[in-house]
Amino acid sequence: MEKILIKLVFRLYRYRRKGSIPKSASPRLMWGVTPIINFKYWNEALKLKGYNSKTFMTHYYSSINKRADFDIYFEDIKPKSLMRGLLMRFSSLSKIHLLLYIADNFDIIHTTYEGLVWKDSKYWKKELDFYRNCGLKFVVLPYGSDYQMYSQLYNKSWHHALLVNYPESAKREKLISQKIEYFVEYADCIMAGFQFDQIARWDILPYAVYPMNTSMFRPKTNYSKNDGKNGIVKVYHTPNHRGIKGTEFLIQAVEELKAEGVLVELCLLENVQNDVVRDKLYQDADILVEQLILGFALSALEGMATGLPVITNLEDDENEIKVFRRFSYLNECPAVSSNPEKIKETLRCLIKDAELRKSLGEAGVKYVEKYHSYTAMGEIFSAIHDRVWYNKENDLINFFNPNNKDSYNNKYPIVKHPLKNNRIPK
């Protein structure tokens, strides 16, 4: 009975919606429904660009975010007709008014591989087919657990770290694979980041897709001249999940440096509101260690936006890193690469060289402004929307290609810093 109702409702509705918005009109943007903070920032950036844009979320994470971070929640949307109210009596159809709300109010859906309203239902594919039949477009922005199939990860240390913090995701691999296959075939644009082992297709290749509201950050102007002998150097680390950040290796390295007489202090900020983290980094930190297992996340960019030298894992590997040096903008990134085996010596180099810390911090501010600011996000997503909505022939696959004279990289001054392949010169 439910299948028949779904088919009937979808068939009746899509003919009313399809083609109702002229292509000359500016598309209405939706970001959701998983409450990752990136969606808030992308949404704000595109609003500044002049788009009609809203976030639409299942809920929010109260430990690190506020309700006001997002525009609309599922609970805010109530049935607007008797028919939708009656459909809610069926358990599998209880959210059909949310599906129709999306189809009524948006044109381009920015989402993850998880899907949308029925992402946890056996009808997830029917929902996505419905939007497509209504003329809506999909831009897929992966964030991690939505697409990571552990058995296919090249980096087995990363595999192990994920099992430490997210063991349940390993049991969802079949469903994750099905959703990836769907979006690889039908999405209008897929934006890859540095974790893309399992994905057959991407249309634009930034190293990391994180947006930053740079107006919320005050870049440092006064850098400590402490060098671990004349005064304490403060190392900050902000893990919400220690396993994937390599926290245990950092703690050990700092303890060993202390035992050798180096004046260094490790400050851990765990499950702390974002505004508190920003203030602490600006006021007190000399170095930020982001993560030591693989890549970097939003915390690294927050450190760079503050003007801090940032340590993260950008070790060269043919499968995971070099493609971003050759075809994207990773060589402009001033983050210092390290790993669990090297972190002690990496810290030692930065602790004793205050001028290097300052040089990297200043380059970090420029890097974030160029590639992750709201201005940058507005330009990047405008190019995507021109392709998926207006059918313009944008060369998205080479958008960040440093060898292309017309690429975004070469449109603005190259970010210069003293690192080579993100390593400190010897």
Protein backbone atom coordinates (compact mmCIF):
# COMPACT_ATOMS: atom_id res chain seq x y z
CA MET A 1 0.00 0.00 0.00
CA GLU A 2 2.78 2.44 0.92
CA LYS A 3 4.62 1.82 -2.36
CA ILE A 4 1.45 2.60 -4.30
CA LEU A 5 0.91 5.83 -2.37
CA ILE A 6 4.50 6.92 -2.88
CA LYS A 7 4.28 6.30 -6.61
CA LEU A 8 0.96 8.13 -6.89
CA VAL A 9 2.01 11.18 -4.86
CA PHE A 10 5.34 11.50 -6.65
CA ARG A 11 3.80 11.15 -10.10
CA LEU A 12 1.12 13.75 -9.43
CA TYR A 13 3.52 16.20 -7.86
CA ARG A 14 6.43 16.15 -10.23
CA TYR A 15 4.37 17.33 -13.19
CA ARG A 16 3.27 20.35 -11.18
CA ARG A 17 6.84 21.17 -10.13
CA LYS A 18 8.87 20.26 -13.19
CA GLY A 19 9.72 23.26 -15.30
CA SER A 20 7.98 25.69 -12.94
CA ILE A 21 11.20 27.67 -12.39
CA PRO A 22 12.62 29.30 -15.53
CA LYS A 23 16.32 28.65 -16.10
CA SER A 24 16.88 32.38 -16.35
CA ALA A 25 16.01 32.75 -12.68
CA SER A 26 18.67 32.57 -9.98
CA PRO A 27 18.50 29.08 -8.44
CA ARG A 28 17.29 28.60 -4.87
CA LEU A 29 19.97 26.78 -2.90
CA MET A 30 19.60 24.19 -0.15
CA TRP A 31 22.38 22.81 2.11
CA GLY A 32 21.71 19.73 4.21
CA VAL A 33 20.49 17.62 5.82
CA THR A 34 23.40 16.33 7.95
CA PRO A 35 24.30 19.14 10.40
CA ILE A 36 27.97 19.61 9.55
CA ILE A 37 29.18 23.12 10.25
CA ASN A 38 30.52 23.52 6.70
CA PHE A 39 26.96 23.85 5.47
CA LYS A 40 26.46 26.91 7.66
CA TYR A 41 29.52 28.62 6.20
CA TRP A 42 28.80 27.73 2.58
CA ASN A 43 25.27 28.99 3.04
CA GLU A 44 26.48 32.31 4.45
CA ALA A 45 29.03 32.69 1.66
CA LEU A 46 26.45 32.17 -1.07
CA LYS A 47 23.99 34.54 0.60
CA LEU A 48 26.69 37.21 0.45
CA LYS A 49 27.06 36.38 -3.23
CA GLY A 50 23.38 37.25 -3.68
CA TYR A 51 21.82 33.78 -3.81
CA ASN A 52 18.56 32.76 -2.17
CA SER A 53 20.16 30.14 0.08
CA LYS A 54 19.10 28.17 3.18
CA THR A 55 20.31 25.33 5.36
CA PHE A 56 17.81 22.56 6.13
CA MET A 57 18.83 20.13 8.89
CA THR A 58 17.68 17.09 10.81
CA HIS A 59 19.07 18.48 14.11
CA TYR A 60 22.25 20.12 15.45
CA TYR A 61 25.13 18.98 17.68
CA SER A 62 24.67 20.96 20.88
CA SER A 63 28.17 20.18 22.23
CA ILE A 64 29.88 22.21 19.50
CA ASN A 65 27.14 24.16 17.69
CA LYS A 66 24.13 26.36 18.41
CA ARG A 67 20.59 26.02 17.08
CA ALA A 68 20.94 29.38 15.35
CA ASP A 69 23.78 28.00 13.22
CA PHE A 70 21.21 26.61 10.76
CA ASP A 71 18.10 28.12 9.19
CA ILE A 72 15.45 25.38 9.17
CA TYR A 73 15.00 22.05 10.94
CA PHE A 74 12.76 19.13 10.10
CA GLU A 75 10.64 19.86 13.16
CA ASP A 76 9.88 23.35 11.85
CA ILE A 77 8.05 22.04 8.78
CA LYS A 78 4.46 20.99 9.32
CA PRO A 79 2.01 19.48 6.80
CA LYS A 80 0.20 22.20 4.86
CA SER A 81 -2.66 20.12 3.58
CA LEU A 82 -5.03 17.41 4.72
CA MET A 83 -3.48 14.97 2.24
CA ARG A 84 0.01 15.43 3.63
CA GLY A 85 -1.34 15.06 7.14
CA LEU A 86 -3.06 11.80 6.29
CA LEU A 87 0.09 10.46 4.65
CA MET A 88 1.97 10.99 7.90
CA ARG A 89 -0.07 8.17 9.45
CA PHE A 90 2.01 5.71 7.46
CA SER A 91 5.34 5.17 9.21
CA SER A 92 7.40 5.12 6.03
CA LEU A 93 5.59 8.19 4.70
CA SER A 94 5.68 10.23 7.89
CA LYS A 95 8.19 12.69 6.36
CA ILE A 96 6.64 13.04 2.93
CA HIS A 97 5.69 16.64 3.67
CA LEU A 98 9.44 17.33 4.06
CA LEU A 99 10.17 15.88 0.62
CA LEU A 100 7.48 18.04 -0.92
CA TYR A 101 8.78 21.07 0.97
CA ILE A 102 12.21 20.57 -0.60
CA ALA A 103 10.73 20.17 -4.08
CA ASP A 104 8.60 23.31 -3.56
CA ASN A 105 11.34 25.57 -2.25
CA PHE A 106 14.70 24.64 -3.77
CA ASP A 107 16.39 24.14 -7.13
CA ILE A 108 19.95 23.03 -6.30
CA ILE A 109 20.50 20.63 -3.40
CA HIS A 110 23.97 20.60 -1.84
CA THR A 111 24.24 17.41 0.15
CA THR A 112 26.44 14.48 1.16
CA TYR A 113 26.46 10.89 -0.04
CA GLU A 114 24.13 10.04 2.85
CA GLY A 115 21.10 11.50 1.10
CA LEU A 116 18.22 13.54 2.45
CA VAL A 117 14.90 13.04 4.23
CA TRP A 118 14.66 9.30 3.65
CA LYS A 119 18.41 8.67 3.96
CA ASP A 120 17.77 6.01 6.63
CA SER A 121 14.81 4.47 4.81
CA LYS A 122 14.54 1.76 2.19
CA TYR A 123 12.98 4.45 -0.02
CA TRP A 124 16.13 6.66 -0.18
CA LYS A 125 16.59 6.04 -3.91
CA LYS A 126 12.94 6.82 -4.72
CA GLU A 127 13.31 10.13 -2.93
CA LEU A 128 16.39 11.10 -4.93
CA ASP A 129 14.74 9.97 -8.19
CA PHE A 130 11.75 12.13 -7.30
CA TYR A 131 13.87 15.28 -6.95
CA ARG A 132 15.62 14.57 -10.23
CA ASN A 133 12.31 14.05 -12.00
CA CYS A 134 11.17 17.38 -10.58
CA GLY A 135 14.16 19.10 -12.19
CA LEU A 136 16.23 19.66 -9.06
CA LYS A 137 20.04 19.46 -9.29
CA PHE A 138 22.50 17.72 -6.96
CA VAL A 139 25.91 19.03 -5.86
CA VAL A 140 27.61 16.40 -3.68
CA LEU A 141 30.00 17.53 -0.94
CA PRO A 142 31.42 14.52 0.94
CA TYR A 143 32.56 14.99 4.54
CA GLY A 144 33.82 11.62 5.77
CA SER A 145 31.57 8.93 7.20
CA ASP A 146 29.08 9.43 4.36
CA TYR A 147 31.40 7.79 1.83
CA GLN A 148 34.33 6.08 3.54
CA MET A 149 34.33 2.36 2.78
CA TYR A 150 36.98 1.12 5.14
CA SER A 151 37.94 -1.96 3.13
CA GLN A 152 38.94 0.25 0.19
CA LEU A 153 41.09 2.80 2.01
CA TYR A 154 44.70 2.93 0.84
CA ASN A 155 45.94 4.29 4.15
CA LYS A 156 45.57 1.51 6.71
CA SER A 157 46.62 3.74 9.59
CA TRP A 158 43.64 5.94 8.72
CA HIS A 159 41.52 2.79 8.48
CA HIS A 160 42.58 1.79 11.98
CA ALA A 161 42.02 5.29 13.38
CA LEU A 162 38.48 5.33 11.99
CA LEU A 163 37.78 1.97 13.62
CA VAL A 164 38.91 3.44 16.94
CA ASN A 165 36.33 6.24 16.80
CA TYR A 166 33.71 5.13 14.28
CA PRO A 167 33.55 1.32 14.29
CA GLU A 168 29.86 1.19 13.35
CA SER A 169 30.54 2.76 9.94
CA ALA A 170 32.34 -0.41 8.87
CA LYS A 171 29.01 -2.23 9.04
CA ARG A 172 27.33 0.16 6.57
CA GLU A 173 29.69 -0.37 3.67
CA LYS A 174 27.15 -2.00 1.36
CA LEU A 175 24.67 0.87 1.72
CA ILE A 176 27.44 3.48 1.39
CA SER A 177 28.57 1.81 -1.83
CA GLN A 178 25.04 1.88 -3.27
CA LYS A 179 24.65 5.58 -2.54
CA ILE A 180 28.04 6.45 -4.00
CA GLU A 181 27.18 4.56 -7.17
CA TYR A 182 23.89 6.45 -7.41
CA PHE A 183 25.45 9.90 -7.06
CA VAL A 184 28.43 9.08 -9.29
CA GLU A 185 25.91 8.33 -12.03
CA TYR A 186 23.34 11.04 -11.40
CA ALA A 187 24.86 13.96 -9.47
CA ASP A 188 25.25 17.17 -11.44
CA CYS A 189 28.54 17.97 -9.71
CA ILE A 190 30.79 16.09 -7.26
CA MET A 191 33.42 18.01 -5.34
CA ALA A 192 36.24 15.77 -4.13
CA GLY A 193 38.63 16.42 -1.27
CA PHE A 194 41.73 14.60 -0.08
CA GLN A 195 39.74 11.50 0.93
CA PHE A 196 38.51 10.07 -2.33
CA ASP A 197 39.79 6.51 -2.43
CA GLN A 198 36.39 5.01 -3.22
CA ILE A 199 34.99 7.55 -5.68
CA ALA A 200 35.16 6.95 -9.42
CA ARG A 201 34.29 10.51 -10.42
CA TRP A 202 34.88 14.09 -9.40
CA ASP A 203 34.18 17.28 -11.32
CA ILE A 204 36.31 19.78 -9.38
CA LEU A 205 39.42 19.04 -7.28
CA PRO A 206 40.13 21.24 -4.27
CA TYR A 207 42.41 19.69 -1.66
CA ALA A 208 39.93 20.49 1.10
CA VAL A 209 36.43 21.88 0.71
CA TYR A 210 36.15 23.64 4.06
CA PRO A 211 34.76 27.21 4.01
CA MET A 212 35.92 29.88 6.45
CA ASN A 213 34.26 33.06 7.63
CA THR A 214 37.56 34.92 7.85
CA SER A 215 35.85 37.98 9.35
CA MET A 216 35.43 35.95 12.57
CA PHE A 217 39.21 35.57 12.96
CA ARG A 218 41.79 38.07 14.11
CA PRO A 219 45.18 37.23 12.61
CA LYS A 220 47.99 37.50 15.09
CA THR A 221 50.11 40.62 15.00
CA ASN A 222 52.29 39.88 18.01
CA TYR A 223 54.22 36.62 17.80
CA SER A 224 56.01 35.12 20.79
CA LYS A 225 59.80 35.06 20.54
CA ASN A 226 60.03 32.16 22.97
CA ASP A 227 62.19 29.31 21.71
CA GLY A 228 61.83 26.62 24.35
CA LYS A 229 64.90 27.92 26.19
CA ASN A 230 64.09 31.55 26.95
CA GLY A 231 60.40 30.84 27.56
CA ILE A 232 57.51 28.40 27.11
CA VAL A 233 56.11 27.64 23.65
CA LYS A 234 52.43 26.69 23.78
CA VAL A 235 51.20 23.89 21.52
CA TYR A 236 47.43 23.63 21.02
CA HIS A 237 45.46 20.59 19.86
CA THR A 238 41.68 20.43 19.41
CA PRO A 239 40.55 16.80 19.07
CA ASN A 240 36.88 15.87 19.27
CA HIS A 241 37.98 12.28 18.59
CA ARG A 242 41.52 11.44 19.70
CA GLY A 243 41.91 8.30 17.62
CA ILE A 244 41.67 9.91 14.19
CA LYS A 245 43.78 12.89 15.30
CA GLY A 246 46.74 10.87 16.61
CA THR A 247 46.52 12.61 19.98
CA GLU A 248 48.38 9.88 21.88
CA PHE A 249 51.50 10.42 19.73
CA LEU A 250 51.42 14.17 20.30
CA ILE A 251 51.13 13.75 24.08
CA GLN A 252 54.08 11.37 24.11
CA ALA A 253 56.22 13.70 21.97
CA VAL A 254 55.58 16.68 24.23
CA GLU A 255 56.37 14.67 27.34
CA GLU A 256 59.67 13.54 25.82
CA LEU A 257 60.58 17.11 24.86
CA LYS A 258 59.83 18.26 28.40
CA ALA A 259 62.03 15.49 29.79
CA GLU A 260 64.86 16.84 27.62
CA GLY A 261 64.43 20.27 29.19
CA VAL A 262 62.50 21.95 26.36
CA LEU A 263 60.06 24.55 27.67
CA VAL A 264 56.84 23.47 25.96
CA GLU A 265 53.23 23.22 27.11
CA LEU A 266 50.48 21.14 25.49
CA CYS A 267 46.97 22.60 25.69
CA LEU A 268 44.10 20.27 24.74
CA LEU A 269 40.71 21.71 23.78
CA GLU A 270 38.15 18.91 23.47
CA ASN A 271 34.43 19.28 22.68
CA VAL A 272 34.65 23.04 23.06
CA GLN A 273 32.41 25.58 21.30
CA ASN A 274 33.96 27.06 18.16
CA ASP A 275 34.02 30.63 19.46
CA VAL A 276 35.98 29.56 22.57
CA VAL A 277 38.52 27.76 20.37
CA ARG A 278 38.98 30.88 18.22
CA ASP A 279 39.66 33.07 21.25
CA LYS A 280 42.14 30.62 22.78
CA LEU A 281 44.08 30.22 19.54
CA TYR A 282 44.36 33.97 19.10
CA GLN A 283 45.26 34.84 22.66
CA ASP A 284 47.48 32.01 23.79
CA ALA A 285 48.70 29.57 21.12
CA ASP A 286 52.08 29.47 19.39
CA ILE A 287 51.59 26.25 17.37
CA LEU A 288 48.50 24.25 16.41
CA VAL A 289 48.84 20.51 15.84
CA GLU A 290 45.80 19.48 13.81
CA GLN A 291 46.08 15.75 13.11
CA LEU A 292 48.85 13.24 12.53
CA ILE A 293 47.19 10.36 10.69
CA LEU A 294 45.85 11.83 7.44
CA GLY A 295 45.13 15.18 5.85
CA PHE A 296 43.54 18.07 7.66
CA ALA A 297 40.14 19.33 8.70
CA LEU A 298 38.49 22.62 9.66
CA SER A 299 40.66 23.05 12.74
CA ALA A 300 43.79 23.43 10.60
CA LEU A 301 42.22 26.27 8.66
CA GLU A 302 41.09 27.95 11.87
CA GLY A 303 44.69 27.86 13.03
CA MET A 304 45.96 29.30 9.75
CA ALA A 305 43.27 32.00 9.73
CA THR A 306 44.51 33.00 13.19
CA GLY A 307 48.05 33.26 11.89
CA LEU A 308 49.41 30.15 13.60
CA PRO A 309 51.87 27.65 12.17
CA VAL A 310 49.89 24.43 11.74
CA ILE A 311 51.14 20.85 11.82
CA THR A 312 49.15 18.15 10.05
CA ASN A 313 49.81 15.02 7.99
CA LEU A 314 50.54 15.82 4.34
CA GLU A 315 53.11 13.10 3.73
CA ASP A 316 53.64 12.41 0.04
CA ASP A 317 51.98 9.35 -1.41
CA GLU A 318 51.25 8.60 -5.05
CA ASN A 319 47.68 7.61 -4.26
CA GLU A 320 46.63 10.30 -1.80
CA ILE A 321 48.66 13.50 -1.97
CA LYS A 322 50.61 14.00 -5.20
CA VAL A 323 47.53 14.48 -7.35
CA PHE A 324 46.80 17.64 -5.31
CA ARG A 325 50.31 18.95 -5.87
CA ARG A 326 50.11 18.32 -9.61
CA PHE A 327 46.50 19.28 -10.35
CA SER A 328 45.33 21.43 -7.43
CA TYR A 329 46.79 24.00 -5.03
CA LEU A 330 48.42 21.98 -2.25
CA ASN A 331 51.89 23.40 -2.95
CA GLU A 332 50.61 26.80 -1.82
CA CYS A 333 49.50 25.41 1.54
CA PRO A 334 51.89 26.46 4.36
CA ALA A 335 50.90 23.67 6.77
CA VAL A 336 53.87 21.70 8.11
CA SER A 337 53.60 17.98 7.41
CA SER A 338 54.37 15.46 10.11
CA ASN A 339 53.28 12.03 11.32
CA PRO A 340 53.40 10.00 14.56
CA GLU A 341 57.04 9.07 14.02
CA LYS A 342 58.20 12.59 13.13
CA ILE A 343 56.10 14.80 15.37
CA LYS A 344 58.71 15.18 18.11
CA GLU A 345 61.36 16.53 15.75
CA THR A 346 58.84 18.64 13.84
CA LEU A 347 57.81 20.29 17.09
CA ARG A 348 61.42 20.79 18.06
CA CYS A 349 62.10 22.69 14.81
CA LEU A 350 59.13 25.01 15.25
CA ILE A 351 59.68 25.53 18.98
CA LYS A 352 63.25 26.77 18.52
CA ASP A 353 62.54 28.95 15.46
CA ALA A 354 60.20 31.83 16.30
CA GLU A 355 60.80 33.53 12.94
CA LEU A 356 59.75 30.39 11.05
CA ARG A 357 56.56 30.24 13.12
CA LYS A 358 55.80 33.85 12.19
CA SER A 359 56.55 33.31 8.49
CA LEU A 360 54.29 30.25 8.29
CA GLY A 361 51.55 31.98 10.27
CA GLU A 362 51.47 34.97 7.95
CA ALA A 363 51.40 32.71 4.88
CA GLY A 364 48.54 30.73 6.42
CA VAL A 365 46.37 33.84 6.64
CA LYS A 366 46.91 34.51 2.91
CA TYR A 367 46.24 30.87 2.01
CA VAL A 368 42.93 30.72 3.85
CA GLU A 369 41.82 34.02 2.36
CA LYS A 370 42.64 32.84 -1.17
CA TYR A 371 41.16 29.33 -1.08
CA HIS A 372 38.69 29.10 1.80
CA SER A 373 37.21 32.56 2.49
CA TYR A 374 33.61 33.46 1.74
CA THR A 375 34.84 35.38 -1.29
CA ALA A 376 36.61 32.27 -2.57
CA MET A 377 33.60 30.05 -1.87
CA GLY A 378 31.32 32.46 -3.72
CA GLU A 379 33.53 32.31 -6.80
CA ILE A 380 33.97 28.52 -6.68
CA PHE A 381 30.28 27.72 -6.24
CA SER A 382 29.22 30.31 -8.79
CA ALA A 383 31.30 28.41 -11.34
CA ILE A 384 29.62 25.16 -10.26
CA HIS A 385 26.14 26.68 -10.45
CA ASP A 386 26.86 28.16 -13.87
CA ARG A 387 27.57 24.62 -15.05
CA VAL A 388 24.70 22.74 -13.38
CA TRP A 389 21.96 25.38 -13.63
CA TYR A 390 22.79 27.50 -16.66
CA ASN A 391 24.60 24.75 -18.63
CA LYS A 392 27.69 26.89 -19.19
CA GLU A 393 30.80 25.08 -20.43
CA ASN A 394 32.96 25.74 -17.38
CA ASP A 395 36.17 23.72 -17.20
CA LEU A 396 35.61 22.64 -13.61
CA ILE A 397 38.05 19.72 -13.73
CA ASN A 398 40.91 22.21 -14.34
CA PHE A 399 39.53 24.94 -12.09
CA PHE A 400 42.49 24.55 -9.68
CA ASN A 401 45.11 23.25 -12.12
CA PRO A 402 48.32 25.22 -11.41
CA ASN A 403 49.58 24.49 -14.94
CA ASN A 404 46.54 26.17 -16.47
CA LYS A 405 47.21 29.90 -16.86
CA ASP A 406 43.48 30.60 -16.57
CA SER A 407 42.96 28.59 -13.37
CA TYR A 408 41.74 30.08 -10.13
CA ASN A 409 45.24 29.54 -8.67
CA ASN A 410 46.84 31.84 -11.24
CA LYS A 411 44.09 34.43 -11.14
CA TYR A 412 45.40 35.67 -7.76
CA PRO A 413 48.93 36.01 -6.28
CA ILE A 414 50.59 32.69 -5.45
CA VAL A 415 50.92 32.08 -1.70
CA LYS A 416 54.63 31.83 -0.91
CA HIS A 417 56.17 30.14 2.14
CA PRO A 418 59.49 28.49 3.08
CA LEU A 419 58.30 24.85 2.96
CA LYS A 420 59.07 22.27 0.29
CA ASN A 421 56.33 19.66 -0.13
CA ASN A 422 55.09 20.94 3.24
CA ARG A 423 58.33 20.00 4.96
CA ILE A 424 60.69 22.32 6.84
CA PRO A 425 63.91 22.82 4.84
CA LYS A 426 66.98 21.30 6.49
